[in-house]
Amino acid sequence: MKIRLLLFASCRDAVGGKELDLEVIEGLSAGGLREELALRYPRLKPLKEKLLVAVNAEYVGGETVLKDGDEVALIPPVSGG
């Protein structure tokens, strides 16, 4: 199945782009996607556990199963003042 991945801040830097169309296995969860991306893009590995995931503009937990055509955003931790 195919998903669109949106990447922000340090995620964009680690992957080298702000959007990707990815082919992933059917039934993949949001948590499984984080694991898969850490394998494909080793620079994401240190962020893996801290990333927030939004599917179709709604934050989701790691157990959420992705569907064909979903738009998935990876949001790294943000600090500021």
Protein backbone atom coordinates (compact mmCIF):
# COMPACT_ATOMS: atom_id res chain seq x y z
CA MET A 1 0.00 0.00 0.00
CA LYS A 2 1.10 3.57 -0.52
CA ILE A 3 1.20 6.42 2.00
CA ARG A 4 2.38 10.01 1.81
CA LEU A 5 4.91 10.91 4.50
CA LEU A 6 5.32 14.53 5.61
CA LEU A 7 8.55 15.37 7.43
CA PHE A 8 9.30 18.40 9.58
CA ALA A 9 12.41 19.99 11.08
CA SER A 10 15.06 17.41 12.09
CA CYS A 11 13.09 14.60 10.41
CA ARG A 12 13.27 16.45 7.10
CA ASP A 13 17.02 16.91 7.57
CA ALA A 14 17.54 13.23 8.45
CA VAL A 15 15.65 11.97 5.40
CA GLY A 16 16.64 14.68 2.95
CA GLY A 17 13.19 15.84 1.91
CA LYS A 18 9.92 17.24 3.19
CA GLU A 19 7.57 14.73 1.52
CA LEU A 20 7.89 11.12 0.42
CA ASP A 21 5.50 8.69 -1.21
CA LEU A 22 6.26 5.33 0.43
CA GLU A 23 5.25 1.79 -0.35
CA VAL A 24 4.67 -0.04 2.95
CA ILE A 25 3.24 -3.39 3.96
CA GLU A 26 -0.50 -3.77 4.50
CA GLY A 27 -1.48 -3.55 8.17
CA LEU A 28 1.55 -1.51 9.25
CA SER A 29 0.97 0.46 12.45
CA ALA A 30 2.18 3.99 13.18
CA GLY A 31 4.71 2.50 15.63
CA GLY A 32 5.83 -0.01 13.02
CA LEU A 33 6.33 2.85 10.57
CA ARG A 34 8.66 4.59 13.03
CA GLU A 35 10.67 1.35 13.31
CA GLU A 36 10.74 0.87 9.53
CA LEU A 37 11.86 4.46 8.91
CA ALA A 38 14.65 4.15 11.50
CA LEU A 39 15.96 1.16 9.49
CA ARG A 40 15.64 2.92 6.12
CA TYR A 41 17.03 6.23 7.39
CA PRO A 42 19.54 5.60 10.21
CA ARG A 43 19.74 9.32 11.06
CA LEU A 44 16.12 9.04 12.31
CA LYS A 45 16.97 6.31 14.83
CA PRO A 46 17.84 8.68 17.73
CA LEU A 47 14.48 10.45 17.27
CA LYS A 48 12.38 7.31 16.83
CA GLU A 49 10.90 7.07 20.33
CA LYS A 50 10.24 10.81 20.62
CA LEU A 51 8.43 11.34 17.32
CA LEU A 52 4.76 12.24 17.33
CA VAL A 53 2.75 10.76 14.49
CA ALA A 54 -0.30 12.34 12.89
CA VAL A 55 -2.44 10.47 10.37
CA ASN A 56 -4.68 12.57 8.16
CA ALA A 57 -4.07 15.61 10.42
CA GLU A 58 -4.91 13.83 13.71
CA TYR A 59 -2.38 12.71 16.31
CA VAL A 60 -2.42 8.94 16.79
CA GLY A 61 -0.85 6.33 19.04
CA GLY A 62 1.64 3.74 17.89
CA GLU A 63 -1.02 1.04 17.62
CA THR A 64 -3.01 2.88 14.92
CA VAL A 65 -3.07 0.84 11.70
CA LEU A 66 -2.28 2.79 8.56
CA LYS A 67 -4.46 2.57 5.45
CA ASP A 68 -3.72 2.96 1.76
CA GLY A 69 -3.60 6.65 0.83
CA ASP A 70 -3.05 7.95 4.38
CA GLU A 71 -1.08 11.14 4.87
CA VAL A 72 1.31 10.57 7.77
CA ALA A 73 3.25 13.37 9.42
CA LEU A 74 6.29 12.84 11.64
CA ILE A 75 6.68 15.60 14.18
CA PRO A 76 9.94 15.71 16.14
CA PRO A 77 10.18 17.09 19.67
CA VAL A 78 10.19 20.87 19.80
CA SER A 79 11.86 23.08 22.33
CA GLY A 80 11.70 26.79 22.53
CA GLY A 81 11.08 29.76 24.61
